[in-house]
Amino acid sequence: MRRPIVSLTLVVLALPGCGGPSGRRLTADEYVKEQQDAARAASPATSGTAAFDALQAGDGTSGTATSEAAPATTSAREELEFALSDLLARKERLALEHAVASDEAALAIASSERALRHASEDLEHFQSVEVQRILLEDSLELAEVRDQKAALAAELAELERLYGGPGIQAPGAQAMLDRARRDLERAEERLTLREARSTDLRDRELPRRIEDLAAAVAAATTAHESATRLAQAGTLQRTSERVQLERDETRLRERLSALPRARSGGSGGSP
């Protein structure tokens, strides 16, 4: 529109004045303004074009925002679906680990229970059977040593009666008496040692053996209780982990369901 106006301006500038609608002469500036107003009135599409351009600009901005929001929603859904898939894999792996841990805990409890039962049986058997058997064997051995000593003492007394009197000069009598006396002395020494051993057995060895077995029972009891508590603690921990994963899964599913679904036909935009 600028080119015709320039031409008119040149024409107007070339003419000193033109007649207006009222018959009066117009100046050059007034004539140019009048021609511009007439051109605007004759071309109403100009304002419409500007408005359309503005609308197009606005529509383009809205379309861009919509097209940008759709990929953002899709990306968020993909991230949530990936997180949910990873969580389900962790949940499955945790279930396997929990099964293994439960089996190991059950084996530990069974082993500790068996050890406790054996320790208790050993203590009871030793006190009720072994102690009596050991004391009986010790008593028999002690009696045997005493009998040996008594037999040697009687033999020596008989030899002294036969060959120890004055005036008896039997060949080898003195040698037999000396040997019998030595045998009796050794028997007395053996008896002394055997009596000391018997006393030590009753007063020290047997009580310590009972004490050791009782300590083994106490240790087995503690081990069994510890294994039971560890199994219970493991069960509580595994339950807590499972509940936490289930809560996380619920939250992820809720967030997924809250996202808008992707349009099947796609959004209208640039081809």
Protein backbone atom coordinates (compact mmCIF):
# COMPACT_ATOMS: atom_id res chain seq x y z
CA MET A 1 0.00 0.00 0.00
CA ARG A 2 2.95 2.30 0.47
CA ARG A 3 3.85 2.53 -3.26
CA PRO A 4 0.50 4.03 -4.52
CA ILE A 5 0.54 6.54 -1.68
CA VAL A 6 3.98 7.70 -2.71
CA SER A 7 2.74 8.14 -6.27
CA LEU A 8 -0.24 10.15 -5.07
CA THR A 9 2.03 12.20 -2.94
CA LEU A 10 4.18 12.97 -5.87
CA VAL A 11 1.08 13.89 -7.86
CA VAL A 12 -0.19 16.06 -5.05
CA LEU A 13 3.16 17.66 -4.66
CA ALA A 14 3.12 18.34 -8.36
CA LEU A 15 -0.30 20.02 -8.13
CA PRO A 16 -0.65 23.10 -5.98
CA GLY A 17 -4.14 22.11 -4.81
CA CYS A 18 -7.20 19.96 -5.50
CA GLY A 19 -10.86 20.40 -4.85
CA GLY A 20 -12.40 18.63 -1.91
CA PRO A 21 -15.97 17.36 -1.47
CA SER A 22 -17.08 20.77 -0.26
CA GLY A 23 -15.57 22.49 -3.27
CA ARG A 24 -12.71 24.09 -1.31
CA ARG A 25 -9.12 23.51 -2.21
CA LEU A 26 -7.16 20.93 -0.14
CA THR A 27 -3.61 21.22 0.85
CA ALA A 28 -1.18 18.50 -0.07
CA ASP A 29 -1.10 17.02 3.48
CA GLU A 30 -4.90 16.97 3.72
CA TYR A 31 -5.16 15.27 0.34
CA VAL A 32 -2.68 12.55 1.31
CA LYS A 33 -4.50 11.86 4.60
CA GLU A 34 -7.84 11.67 2.77
CA GLN A 35 -6.43 9.20 0.26
CA GLN A 36 -4.98 7.03 3.08
CA ASP A 37 -8.33 6.95 4.90
CA ALA A 38 -10.07 5.97 1.69
CA ALA A 39 -7.55 3.19 1.12
CA ARG A 40 -8.11 1.80 4.61
CA ALA A 41 -11.88 1.88 4.17
CA ALA A 42 -11.58 0.11 0.85
CA SER A 43 -9.38 -2.66 2.35
CA PRO A 44 -11.09 -4.04 5.53
CA ALA A 45 -9.16 -7.30 5.24
CA THR A 46 -6.11 -5.61 6.70
CA SER A 47 -7.38 -5.62 10.28
CA GLY A 48 -8.75 -9.12 9.84
CA THR A 49 -5.40 -10.32 8.61
CA ALA A 50 -3.69 -8.87 11.68
CA ALA A 51 -6.24 -10.47 13.96
CA PHE A 52 -5.84 -13.77 12.17
CA ASP A 53 -2.12 -13.46 12.45
CA ALA A 54 -2.46 -12.81 16.17
CA LEU A 55 -4.87 -15.74 16.52
CA GLN A 56 -2.53 -17.94 14.57
CA ALA A 57 0.29 -16.88 16.82
CA GLY A 58 -1.83 -17.67 19.87
CA ASP A 59 -3.00 -20.98 18.43
CA GLY A 60 0.56 -21.89 17.57
CA THR A 61 1.67 -21.22 21.14
CA SER A 62 -1.17 -23.33 22.55
CA GLY A 63 -0.44 -26.13 20.12
CA THR A 64 3.20 -26.04 21.04
CA ALA A 65 2.37 -26.27 24.75
CA THR A 66 0.05 -29.18 24.10
CA SER A 67 2.57 -30.95 21.94
CA GLU A 68 5.23 -30.41 24.61
CA ALA A 69 2.92 -31.62 27.42
CA ALA A 70 2.12 -34.86 25.62
CA PRO A 71 5.75 -36.05 25.42
CA ALA A 72 6.29 -34.97 29.03
CA THR A 73 3.34 -37.11 30.12
CA THR A 74 4.60 -40.01 28.04
CA SER A 75 8.07 -39.68 29.55
CA ALA A 76 6.65 -39.58 33.09
CA ARG A 77 4.58 -42.68 32.38
CA GLU A 78 7.59 -44.51 30.97
CA GLU A 79 9.65 -43.61 34.02
CA LEU A 80 6.93 -44.78 36.39
CA GLU A 81 6.45 -48.00 34.44
CA PHE A 82 10.19 -48.63 34.54
CA ALA A 83 10.25 -47.93 38.29
CA LEU A 84 7.30 -50.29 38.78
CA SER A 85 9.00 -53.01 36.72
CA ASP A 86 12.19 -52.60 38.74
CA LEU A 87 10.21 -52.70 41.99
CA LEU A 88 8.43 -55.89 40.95
CA ALA A 89 11.79 -57.47 40.10
CA ARG A 90 13.13 -56.43 43.51
CA LYS A 91 10.00 -57.83 45.11
CA GLU A 92 10.48 -61.17 43.38
CA ARG A 93 14.18 -61.26 44.26
CA LEU A 94 13.37 -60.35 47.86
CA ALA A 95 10.83 -63.17 48.02
CA LEU A 96 13.52 -65.66 46.92
CA GLU A 97 16.01 -64.25 49.42
CA HIS A 98 13.39 -64.44 52.14
CA ALA A 99 12.66 -68.08 51.28
CA VAL A 100 16.38 -68.93 51.51
CA ALA A 101 16.74 -66.99 54.77
CA SER A 102 13.69 -68.74 56.23
CA ASP A 103 15.09 -72.17 55.33
CA GLU A 104 18.48 -71.28 56.82
CA ALA A 105 16.83 -69.99 59.99
CA ALA A 106 14.78 -73.17 60.28
CA LEU A 107 17.93 -75.27 59.85
CA ALA A 108 19.77 -73.19 62.47
CA ILE A 109 16.91 -73.63 64.93
CA ALA A 110 16.73 -77.38 64.26
CA SER A 111 20.51 -77.73 64.67
CA SER A 112 20.58 -75.75 67.91
CA GLU A 113 17.60 -77.69 69.22
CA ARG A 114 19.33 -80.98 68.41
CA ALA A 115 22.54 -79.81 70.10
CA LEU A 116 20.56 -78.80 73.18
CA ARG A 117 18.78 -82.14 73.29
CA HIS A 118 22.05 -84.05 72.98
CA ALA A 119 23.73 -81.95 75.67
CA SER A 120 20.82 -82.47 78.04
CA GLU A 121 20.79 -86.20 77.34
CA ASP A 122 24.55 -86.42 77.92
CA LEU A 123 24.27 -84.68 81.27
CA GLU A 124 21.35 -86.81 82.40
CA HIS A 125 22.99 -90.03 81.22
CA PHE A 126 26.28 -89.21 82.88
CA GLN A 127 24.67 -88.36 86.19
CA SER A 128 22.30 -91.30 86.27
CA VAL A 129 24.39 -94.02 84.59
CA GLU A 130 28.02 -93.13 83.99
CA VAL A 131 28.75 -91.84 87.47
CA GLN A 132 27.46 -95.03 89.06
CA ARG A 133 29.39 -97.19 86.60
CA ILE A 134 32.63 -95.26 87.11
CA LEU A 135 32.30 -95.39 90.87
CA LEU A 136 31.59 -99.10 90.75
CA GLU A 137 34.63 -99.78 88.54
CA ASP A 138 36.77 -97.68 90.84
CA SER A 139 35.49 -99.53 93.85
CA LEU A 140 36.23 -102.92 92.25
CA GLU A 141 39.75 -101.87 91.25
CA LEU A 142 40.41 -100.52 94.73
CA ALA A 143 39.12 -103.73 96.29
CA GLU A 144 41.33 -105.77 93.97
CA VAL A 145 44.42 -103.84 95.06
CA ARG A 146 43.46 -104.28 98.71
CA ASP A 147 42.94 -108.00 98.18
CA GLN A 148 46.36 -108.27 96.54
CA LYS A 149 47.94 -106.53 99.48
CA ALA A 150 46.08 -108.72 101.95
CA ALA A 151 47.13 -111.87 100.07
CA LEU A 152 50.78 -110.83 100.05
CA ALA A 153 50.64 -109.96 103.74
CA ALA A 154 49.17 -113.37 104.53
CA GLU A 155 51.81 -115.08 102.37
CA LEU A 156 54.58 -113.21 104.15
CA ALA A 157 53.15 -114.10 107.52
CA GLU A 158 53.04 -117.76 106.53
CA LEU A 159 56.63 -117.71 105.32
CA GLU A 160 57.76 -116.03 108.50
CA ARG A 161 55.96 -118.66 110.53
CA LEU A 162 57.64 -121.43 108.60
CA TYR A 163 61.11 -120.05 108.08
CA GLY A 164 61.51 -117.10 110.32
CA GLY A 165 61.89 -118.87 113.62
CA PRO A 166 65.27 -119.26 115.35
CA GLY A 167 67.25 -122.31 114.37
CA ILE A 168 65.50 -122.88 111.02
CA GLN A 169 68.14 -123.06 108.30
CA ALA A 170 66.11 -124.14 105.20
CA PRO A 171 67.92 -123.48 101.88
CA GLY A 172 66.58 -120.32 100.18
CA ALA A 173 64.32 -119.42 103.09
CA GLN A 174 65.80 -115.98 103.55
CA ALA A 175 65.46 -115.21 99.83
CA MET A 176 61.77 -116.17 99.88
CA LEU A 177 61.17 -114.00 102.92
CA ASP A 178 62.89 -111.01 101.33
CA ARG A 179 60.90 -111.42 98.12
CA ALA A 180 57.62 -111.69 99.99
CA ARG A 181 58.43 -108.56 101.98
CA ARG A 182 59.25 -106.63 98.77
CA ASP A 183 56.00 -107.78 97.15
CA LEU A 184 54.05 -106.64 100.17
CA GLU A 185 55.73 -103.23 100.15
CA ARG A 186 54.88 -102.75 96.45
CA ALA A 187 51.29 -103.81 97.11
CA GLU A 188 51.03 -101.26 99.88
CA GLU A 189 52.37 -98.53 97.55
CA ARG A 190 49.91 -99.52 94.83
CA LEU A 191 47.10 -99.41 97.33
CA THR A 192 48.12 -95.94 98.49
CA LEU A 193 48.21 -94.66 94.92
CA ARG A 194 44.93 -96.36 94.08
CA GLU A 195 43.18 -94.88 97.09
CA ALA A 196 44.46 -91.40 96.14
CA ARG A 197 43.21 -91.87 92.59
CA SER A 198 39.83 -93.00 93.87
CA THR A 199 39.60 -89.94 96.11
CA ASP A 200 40.57 -87.65 93.23
CA LEU A 201 37.99 -89.32 91.01
CA ARG A 202 35.15 -88.78 93.45
CA ASP A 203 36.15 -85.31 94.65
CA ARG A 204 37.49 -83.67 91.48
CA GLU A 205 37.09 -85.52 88.18
CA LEU A 206 33.45 -86.49 88.40
CA PRO A 207 32.22 -83.10 89.70
CA ARG A 208 34.17 -81.30 86.97
CA ARG A 209 32.79 -83.61 84.30
CA ILE A 210 29.29 -82.90 85.52
CA GLU A 211 30.04 -79.18 85.60
CA ASP A 212 31.34 -79.28 82.01
CA LEU A 213 28.26 -81.11 80.79
CA ALA A 214 26.01 -78.65 82.60
CA ALA A 215 27.91 -75.77 80.97
CA ALA A 216 27.42 -77.44 77.58
CA VAL A 217 23.69 -77.60 78.27
CA ALA A 218 23.66 -73.90 79.20
CA ALA A 219 25.61 -72.98 76.07
CA ALA A 220 23.31 -75.07 73.89
CA THR A 221 20.30 -73.43 75.52
CA THR A 222 21.69 -69.96 74.81
CA ALA A 223 22.51 -70.93 71.23
CA HIS A 224 19.01 -72.27 70.68
CA GLU A 225 17.41 -69.17 72.14
CA SER A 226 19.65 -66.96 70.01
CA ALA A 227 18.80 -68.90 66.87
CA THR A 228 15.10 -68.58 67.68
CA ARG A 229 15.38 -64.83 68.30
CA LEU A 230 17.40 -64.33 65.13
CA ALA A 231 14.76 -66.20 63.16
CA GLN A 232 12.01 -64.06 64.68
CA ALA A 233 13.98 -60.86 63.99
CA GLY A 234 14.59 -61.98 60.42
CA THR A 235 10.90 -62.70 59.97
CA LEU A 236 9.97 -59.23 61.26
CA GLN A 237 12.56 -57.57 59.03
CA ARG A 238 11.44 -59.51 55.97
CA THR A 239 7.83 -58.67 56.71
CA SER A 240 8.73 -54.98 57.04
CA GLU A 241 10.63 -55.04 53.75
CA ARG A 242 7.76 -56.78 51.98
CA VAL A 243 5.21 -54.31 53.36
CA GLN A 244 7.40 -51.37 52.30
CA LEU A 245 7.71 -52.75 48.78
CA GLU A 246 3.95 -53.29 48.62
CA ARG A 247 3.38 -49.70 49.73
CA ASP A 248 5.81 -48.44 47.09
CA GLU A 249 4.06 -50.56 44.49
CA THR A 250 0.68 -49.15 45.50
CA ARG A 251 1.98 -45.58 45.27
CA LEU A 252 3.52 -46.19 41.86
CA ARG A 253 0.30 -47.72 40.54
CA GLU A 254 -1.70 -44.80 41.91
CA ARG A 255 0.62 -42.31 40.21
CA LEU A 256 0.37 -44.27 36.98
CA SER A 257 -3.42 -44.33 37.10
CA ALA A 258 -3.44 -40.58 37.81
CA LEU A 259 -1.58 -39.81 34.57
CA PRO A 260 -3.73 -39.07 31.48
CA ARG A 261 -3.89 -41.83 28.92
CA ALA A 262 -2.10 -41.24 25.60
CA ARG A 263 -4.44 -40.52 22.68
CA SER A 264 -4.75 -43.43 20.29
CA GLY A 265 -5.11 -41.28 17.15
CA GLY A 266 -2.42 -38.76 18.02
CA SER A 267 -2.90 -34.97 18.45
CA GLY A 268 -3.48 -32.61 15.52
CA GLY A 269 -0.33 -30.70 14.62
CA SER A 270 2.32 -30.31 12.01
CA PRO A 271 2.61 -33.35 9.73
